[in-house]
C-alpha cells in the first residue's frame, strides 16, 4: 500500500461572527459599559463634587447613558458593519454616485420639436 498524504485546504468555513456578550453583537457591550461609566462619573461629579441635588445630578447623568443606548440599538445592533457611518454620509452628502433626476436637465435631442420652436 502506498503512503498517501492527505491534502488539506483552507475552506474558510469558520464562523466570522465577533461573538455576543449580554446579547449585544461583537464589542458593542464596551460602548454600553462606557456609557454607564460616564453616567456614574457625571452623577458623582455633580452630586458630590458640585453639590447639586440628587435629582438634577441623576437627570444629567441619564443623558450620556440614554445617548449611548440609543446609538447602540438604533445604529449598530443587528446592522451591517459601517451602517452608522454610511447613514451619516447619506444624510450629509446625499446619495452617492447615482444621478439625481430632479436636478438633471433634459437631453437636447429628446426635446419635442414644435412649430413654435422654429424661427422660420
N, C-alpha and C. Protein backbone atom coordinates (compact mmCIF):
# COMPACT_ATOMS: atom_id res chain seq x y z
N UNK A 1 0.82 -1.17 0.00
CA UNK A 1 0.00 0.00 0.00
C UNK A 1 0.88 1.25 0.00
N UNK A 2 0.50 2.21 -0.81
CA UNK A 2 1.27 3.44 -0.89
C UNK A 2 0.93 4.35 0.27
N UNK A 3 1.90 5.09 0.69
CA UNK A 3 1.68 6.06 1.76
C UNK A 3 1.28 7.39 1.12
N UNK A 4 -0.02 7.69 1.12
CA UNK A 4 -0.51 8.92 0.52
C UNK A 4 -0.83 9.93 1.61
N UNK A 5 -0.34 11.12 1.41
CA UNK A 5 -0.59 12.19 2.38
C UNK A 5 -1.93 12.84 2.06
N UNK A 6 -2.64 13.19 3.08
CA UNK A 6 -3.91 13.87 2.88
C UNK A 6 -3.66 15.32 2.51
N UNK A 7 -4.47 15.81 1.60
CA UNK A 7 -4.35 17.22 1.23
C UNK A 7 -5.32 18.03 2.08
N UNK A 8 -4.81 19.08 2.64
CA UNK A 8 -5.64 19.98 3.42
C UNK A 8 -5.78 21.29 2.67
N UNK A 9 -6.97 21.81 2.67
CA UNK A 9 -7.18 23.12 2.05
C UNK A 9 -8.04 23.97 2.98
N UNK A 10 -7.75 25.25 2.98
CA UNK A 10 -8.50 26.19 3.81
C UNK A 10 -9.84 26.48 3.15
N UNK A 11 -10.91 26.22 3.84
CA UNK A 11 -12.23 26.42 3.26
C UNK A 11 -12.94 27.64 3.80
N UNK A 12 -12.34 28.34 4.73
CA UNK A 12 -12.97 29.50 5.36
C UNK A 12 -14.36 29.16 5.90
N UNK A 13 -14.49 28.00 6.45
CA UNK A 13 -15.79 27.58 6.94
C UNK A 13 -16.03 27.99 8.39
N UNK A 14 -15.11 28.71 8.98
CA UNK A 14 -15.27 29.15 10.35
C UNK A 14 -16.31 30.25 10.48
N UNK A 15 -16.76 30.46 11.67
CA UNK A 15 -17.74 31.50 11.95
C UNK A 15 -17.05 32.86 11.96
N UNK A 16 -17.55 33.79 11.16
CA UNK A 16 -16.96 35.12 11.09
C UNK A 16 -17.58 36.07 12.10
N UNK A 17 -18.34 35.57 13.01
CA UNK A 17 -19.02 36.41 13.99
C UNK A 17 -18.02 36.95 15.01
N UNK A 18 -18.31 38.16 15.48
CA UNK A 18 -17.49 38.75 16.52
C UNK A 18 -17.91 38.28 17.90
N UNK A 19 -18.90 37.40 17.97
CA UNK A 19 -19.38 36.90 19.24
C UNK A 19 -20.50 37.77 19.79
N UNK A 20 -21.01 37.34 20.92
CA UNK A 20 -22.08 38.09 21.59
C UNK A 20 -21.79 38.14 23.08
N UNK A 21 -22.00 39.31 23.66
CA UNK A 21 -21.88 39.49 25.09
C UNK A 21 -23.10 40.26 25.56
N UNK A 22 -23.80 39.73 26.54
CA UNK A 22 -25.02 40.33 27.08
C UNK A 22 -26.05 40.56 25.99
N UNK A 23 -26.04 39.72 24.95
CA UNK A 23 -26.99 39.86 23.86
C UNK A 23 -26.62 40.90 22.83
N UNK A 24 -25.46 41.51 22.97
CA UNK A 24 -25.02 42.54 22.02
C UNK A 24 -23.96 41.96 21.09
N UNK A 25 -24.03 42.32 19.82
CA UNK A 25 -23.08 41.83 18.82
C UNK A 25 -21.69 42.38 19.07
N UNK A 26 -20.68 41.54 18.80
CA UNK A 26 -19.29 41.97 18.83
C UNK A 26 -18.89 42.66 20.11
N UNK A 27 -18.25 43.81 19.98
CA UNK A 27 -17.78 44.56 21.14
C UNK A 27 -18.69 45.71 21.52
N UNK A 28 -19.96 45.62 21.17
CA UNK A 28 -20.87 46.72 21.50
C UNK A 28 -21.09 46.89 22.99
N UNK A 29 -20.86 45.83 23.75
CA UNK A 29 -21.04 45.97 25.19
C UNK A 29 -20.03 46.96 25.77
N UNK A 30 -18.89 47.15 25.10
CA UNK A 30 -17.92 48.12 25.59
C UNK A 30 -18.48 49.54 25.47
N UNK A 31 -19.25 49.80 24.44
CA UNK A 31 -19.90 51.11 24.33
C UNK A 31 -20.91 51.32 25.46
N UNK A 32 -21.66 50.26 25.77
CA UNK A 32 -22.63 50.36 26.86
C UNK A 32 -21.91 50.55 28.20
N UNK A 33 -20.82 49.82 28.40
CA UNK A 33 -20.02 49.98 29.63
C UNK A 33 -19.48 51.41 29.71
N UNK A 34 -19.02 51.95 28.59
CA UNK A 34 -18.54 53.33 28.57
C UNK A 34 -19.65 54.32 28.91
N UNK A 35 -20.86 54.07 28.41
CA UNK A 35 -21.99 54.93 28.75
C UNK A 35 -22.35 54.86 30.22
N UNK A 36 -22.31 53.67 30.78
CA UNK A 36 -22.59 53.50 32.22
C UNK A 36 -21.51 54.20 33.04
N UNK A 37 -20.25 54.04 32.66
CA UNK A 37 -19.15 54.70 33.38
C UNK A 37 -19.31 56.22 33.32
N UNK A 38 -19.63 56.74 32.14
CA UNK A 38 -19.80 58.18 32.00
C UNK A 38 -20.98 58.68 32.84
N UNK A 39 -22.05 57.90 32.88
CA UNK A 39 -23.22 58.29 33.68
C UNK A 39 -22.88 58.31 35.17
N UNK A 40 -22.18 57.29 35.64
CA UNK A 40 -21.81 57.24 37.06
C UNK A 40 -20.82 58.36 37.40
N UNK A 41 -19.86 58.60 36.52
CA UNK A 41 -18.91 59.68 36.77
C UNK A 41 -19.60 61.04 36.79
N UNK A 42 -20.56 61.24 35.89
CA UNK A 42 -21.32 62.50 35.87
C UNK A 42 -22.14 62.66 37.14
N UNK A 43 -22.78 61.58 37.57
CA UNK A 43 -23.58 61.61 38.80
C UNK A 43 -22.71 61.96 40.00
N UNK A 44 -21.57 61.31 40.13
CA UNK A 44 -20.69 61.57 41.27
C UNK A 44 -20.10 62.98 41.23
N UNK A 45 -19.73 63.43 40.05
CA UNK A 45 -19.15 64.76 39.92
C UNK A 45 -20.16 65.84 40.30
N UNK A 46 -21.38 65.70 39.79
CA UNK A 46 -22.39 66.72 40.07
C UNK A 46 -22.90 66.65 41.50
N UNK A 47 -23.16 65.44 42.00
CA UNK A 47 -23.76 65.30 43.33
C UNK A 47 -22.73 65.54 44.44
N UNK A 48 -21.58 64.89 44.33
CA UNK A 48 -20.59 65.00 45.41
C UNK A 48 -19.65 66.20 45.21
N UNK A 49 -19.21 66.39 44.00
CA UNK A 49 -18.22 67.44 43.75
C UNK A 49 -18.82 68.83 43.69
N UNK A 50 -19.92 68.99 42.96
CA UNK A 50 -20.50 70.32 42.78
C UNK A 50 -21.72 70.58 43.67
N UNK A 51 -22.08 69.60 44.51
CA UNK A 51 -23.18 69.71 45.49
C UNK A 51 -24.53 70.07 44.86
N UNK A 52 -24.79 69.49 43.67
CA UNK A 52 -26.11 69.66 43.06
C UNK A 52 -27.07 68.69 43.72
N UNK A 53 -28.37 68.91 43.53
CA UNK A 53 -29.34 67.98 44.10
C UNK A 53 -29.22 66.63 43.40
N UNK A 54 -29.67 65.59 44.11
CA UNK A 54 -29.55 64.25 43.56
C UNK A 54 -30.40 64.09 42.30
N UNK A 55 -31.59 64.65 42.30
CA UNK A 55 -32.46 64.50 41.13
C UNK A 55 -31.88 65.22 39.91
N UNK A 56 -31.30 66.40 40.10
CA UNK A 56 -30.67 67.11 38.99
C UNK A 56 -29.44 66.35 38.50
N UNK A 57 -28.68 65.80 39.43
CA UNK A 57 -27.49 65.03 39.06
C UNK A 57 -27.88 63.77 38.31
N UNK A 58 -28.92 63.11 38.79
CA UNK A 58 -29.39 61.90 38.12
C UNK A 58 -29.94 62.22 36.73
N UNK A 59 -30.66 63.31 36.62
CA UNK A 59 -31.19 63.70 35.31
C UNK A 59 -30.09 64.00 34.31
N UNK A 60 -29.02 64.65 34.77
CA UNK A 60 -27.89 64.94 33.87
C UNK A 60 -27.10 63.67 33.56
N UNK A 61 -27.05 62.73 34.50
CA UNK A 61 -26.29 61.50 34.30
C UNK A 61 -27.00 60.55 33.34
N UNK A 62 -28.29 60.65 33.23
CA UNK A 62 -29.04 59.77 32.34
C UNK A 62 -28.78 60.12 30.88
N UNK A 63 -28.44 61.36 30.60
CA UNK A 63 -28.26 61.82 29.21
C UNK A 63 -27.19 61.03 28.46
N UNK A 64 -25.94 60.90 28.97
CA UNK A 64 -24.96 60.13 28.20
C UNK A 64 -25.32 58.65 28.08
N UNK A 65 -25.94 58.09 29.11
CA UNK A 65 -26.35 56.69 29.03
C UNK A 65 -27.45 56.50 28.00
N UNK A 66 -28.42 57.39 27.98
CA UNK A 66 -29.51 57.28 27.01
C UNK A 66 -28.98 57.47 25.59
N UNK A 67 -28.07 58.43 25.40
CA UNK A 67 -27.48 58.65 24.08
C UNK A 67 -26.73 57.41 23.62
N UNK A 68 -25.95 56.79 24.50
CA UNK A 68 -25.19 55.60 24.16
C UNK A 68 -26.11 54.44 23.80
N UNK A 69 -27.14 54.22 24.60
CA UNK A 69 -28.07 53.13 24.31
C UNK A 69 -28.82 53.37 23.01
N UNK A 70 -29.23 54.61 22.75
CA UNK A 70 -29.89 54.92 21.50
C UNK A 70 -28.97 54.64 20.32
N UNK A 71 -27.72 55.06 20.42
CA UNK A 71 -26.75 54.84 19.34
C UNK A 71 -26.53 53.35 19.09
N UNK A 72 -26.36 52.59 20.15
CA UNK A 72 -26.07 51.16 20.01
C UNK A 72 -27.27 50.43 19.39
N UNK A 73 -28.47 50.68 19.90
CA UNK A 73 -29.62 49.92 19.43
C UNK A 73 -30.22 50.45 18.13
N UNK A 74 -30.01 51.71 17.80
CA UNK A 74 -30.57 52.25 16.57
C UNK A 74 -29.61 52.12 15.39
N UNK A 75 -28.31 52.18 15.63
CA UNK A 75 -27.37 52.24 14.52
C UNK A 75 -26.35 51.11 14.47
N UNK A 76 -26.23 50.28 15.49
CA UNK A 76 -25.20 49.26 15.50
C UNK A 76 -25.74 47.83 15.65
N UNK A 77 -26.59 47.60 16.62
CA UNK A 77 -27.06 46.25 16.94
C UNK A 77 -27.88 45.68 15.79
N UNK A 78 -27.43 44.55 15.25
CA UNK A 78 -28.14 43.88 14.18
C UNK A 78 -27.99 44.53 12.82
N UNK A 79 -27.14 45.51 12.69
CA UNK A 79 -26.94 46.20 11.42
C UNK A 79 -25.61 45.74 10.80
N UNK A 80 -25.46 45.88 9.48
CA UNK A 80 -24.19 45.50 8.87
C UNK A 80 -23.06 46.44 9.30
N UNK A 81 -21.82 45.99 9.17
CA UNK A 81 -20.69 46.85 9.54
C UNK A 81 -20.69 48.13 8.71
N UNK A 82 -20.44 49.24 9.34
CA UNK A 82 -20.37 50.52 8.65
C UNK A 82 -21.72 51.16 8.39
N UNK A 83 -22.79 50.59 8.92
CA UNK A 83 -24.13 51.14 8.69
C UNK A 83 -24.25 52.56 9.23
N UNK A 84 -23.71 52.80 10.42
CA UNK A 84 -23.83 54.12 11.04
C UNK A 84 -23.08 55.18 10.24
N UNK A 85 -21.87 54.88 9.79
CA UNK A 85 -21.11 55.86 9.03
C UNK A 85 -21.70 56.06 7.63
N UNK A 86 -22.22 54.99 7.03
CA UNK A 86 -22.86 55.13 5.72
C UNK A 86 -24.12 55.97 5.82
N UNK A 87 -24.89 55.79 6.88
CA UNK A 87 -26.10 56.58 7.06
C UNK A 87 -25.77 58.05 7.31
N UNK A 88 -24.74 58.31 8.09
CA UNK A 88 -24.31 59.69 8.31
C UNK A 88 -23.85 60.34 7.00
N UNK A 89 -23.09 59.57 6.21
CA UNK A 89 -22.64 60.08 4.92
C UNK A 89 -23.83 60.36 3.99
N UNK A 90 -24.84 59.52 4.03
CA UNK A 90 -26.03 59.75 3.22
C UNK A 90 -26.75 61.02 3.66
N UNK A 91 -26.86 61.23 4.97
CA UNK A 91 -27.54 62.43 5.48
C UNK A 91 -26.77 63.69 5.15
N UNK A 92 -25.44 63.63 5.18
CA UNK A 92 -24.63 64.82 4.95
C UNK A 92 -24.46 65.11 3.46
N UNK A 93 -24.12 64.09 2.68
CA UNK A 93 -23.77 64.29 1.28
C UNK A 93 -24.85 63.90 0.29
N UNK A 94 -25.91 63.29 0.74
CA UNK A 94 -26.94 62.82 -0.17
C UNK A 94 -26.54 61.49 -0.80
N UNK A 95 -27.32 61.05 -1.79
CA UNK A 95 -26.98 59.76 -2.42
C UNK A 95 -25.64 59.82 -3.13
N UNK A 96 -25.00 58.68 -3.23
CA UNK A 96 -23.65 58.62 -3.75
C UNK A 96 -23.50 58.99 -5.20
N UNK A 97 -23.17 58.04 -6.04
CA UNK A 97 -22.84 58.31 -7.42
C UNK A 97 -24.04 58.26 -8.34
N UNK A 98 -25.19 58.03 -7.81
CA UNK A 98 -26.39 57.95 -8.65
C UNK A 98 -26.82 59.35 -9.07
N UNK A 99 -27.26 59.50 -10.31
CA UNK A 99 -27.73 60.82 -10.74
C UNK A 99 -29.05 61.17 -10.06
N UNK A 100 -29.24 62.42 -9.82
CA UNK A 100 -30.48 62.90 -9.22
C UNK A 100 -31.40 63.37 -10.34
N UNK A 101 -32.49 62.65 -10.60
CA UNK A 101 -33.34 63.01 -11.74
C UNK A 101 -33.98 64.39 -11.60
N UNK A 102 -34.17 64.88 -10.39
CA UNK A 102 -34.77 66.20 -10.21
C UNK A 102 -33.82 67.32 -10.62
N UNK A 103 -32.53 67.07 -10.60
CA UNK A 103 -31.56 68.12 -10.91
C UNK A 103 -31.01 68.03 -12.34
N UNK A 104 -31.35 66.99 -13.07
CA UNK A 104 -30.83 66.82 -14.41
C UNK A 104 -31.62 67.65 -15.41
N UNK A 105 -30.90 68.24 -16.34
CA UNK A 105 -31.56 68.96 -17.44
C UNK A 105 -31.98 67.95 -18.50
N UNK A 106 -33.03 68.23 -19.23
CA UNK A 106 -33.45 67.28 -20.26
C UNK A 106 -32.42 67.22 -21.39
N UNK A 107 -32.32 66.08 -22.00
CA UNK A 107 -31.38 65.90 -23.11
C UNK A 107 -31.87 66.71 -24.31
N UNK A 108 -30.99 67.45 -24.98
CA UNK A 108 -31.43 68.32 -26.07
C UNK A 108 -32.03 67.56 -27.25
N UNK A 109 -31.61 66.34 -27.50
CA UNK A 109 -32.18 65.58 -28.61
C UNK A 109 -33.52 64.96 -28.24
N UNK A 110 -33.81 64.92 -26.96
CA UNK A 110 -35.07 64.34 -26.53
C UNK A 110 -36.19 65.35 -26.46
N UNK A 111 -35.92 66.63 -26.70
CA UNK A 111 -36.95 67.66 -26.65
C UNK A 111 -37.88 67.52 -27.85
N UNK A 112 -39.14 67.73 -27.62
CA UNK A 112 -40.09 67.66 -28.73
C UNK A 112 -39.99 68.94 -29.56
N UNK A 113 -40.01 68.80 -30.85
CA UNK A 113 -39.91 69.94 -31.74
C UNK A 113 -41.31 70.35 -32.14
N UNK A 114 -41.67 71.54 -31.77
CA UNK A 114 -43.00 72.05 -32.16
C UNK A 114 -42.82 73.17 -33.16
N UNK A 115 -43.91 73.62 -33.73
CA UNK A 115 -43.86 74.67 -34.73
C UNK A 115 -43.39 75.98 -34.11
N UNK A 116 -43.62 76.16 -32.82
CA UNK A 116 -43.20 77.41 -32.16
C UNK A 116 -41.70 77.48 -31.96
N UNK A 117 -41.00 76.34 -31.97
CA UNK A 117 -39.59 76.35 -31.67
C UNK A 117 -38.74 76.71 -32.88
N UNK A 118 -39.28 76.67 -34.11
CA UNK A 118 -38.51 77.00 -35.30
C UNK A 118 -38.67 78.48 -35.65
N UNK A 119 -37.57 79.18 -35.93
CA UNK A 119 -37.65 80.61 -36.20
C UNK A 119 -38.21 80.93 -37.59
N UNK A 120 -38.27 80.04 -38.53
CA UNK A 120 -38.77 80.35 -39.87
C UNK A 120 -40.08 79.69 -40.19
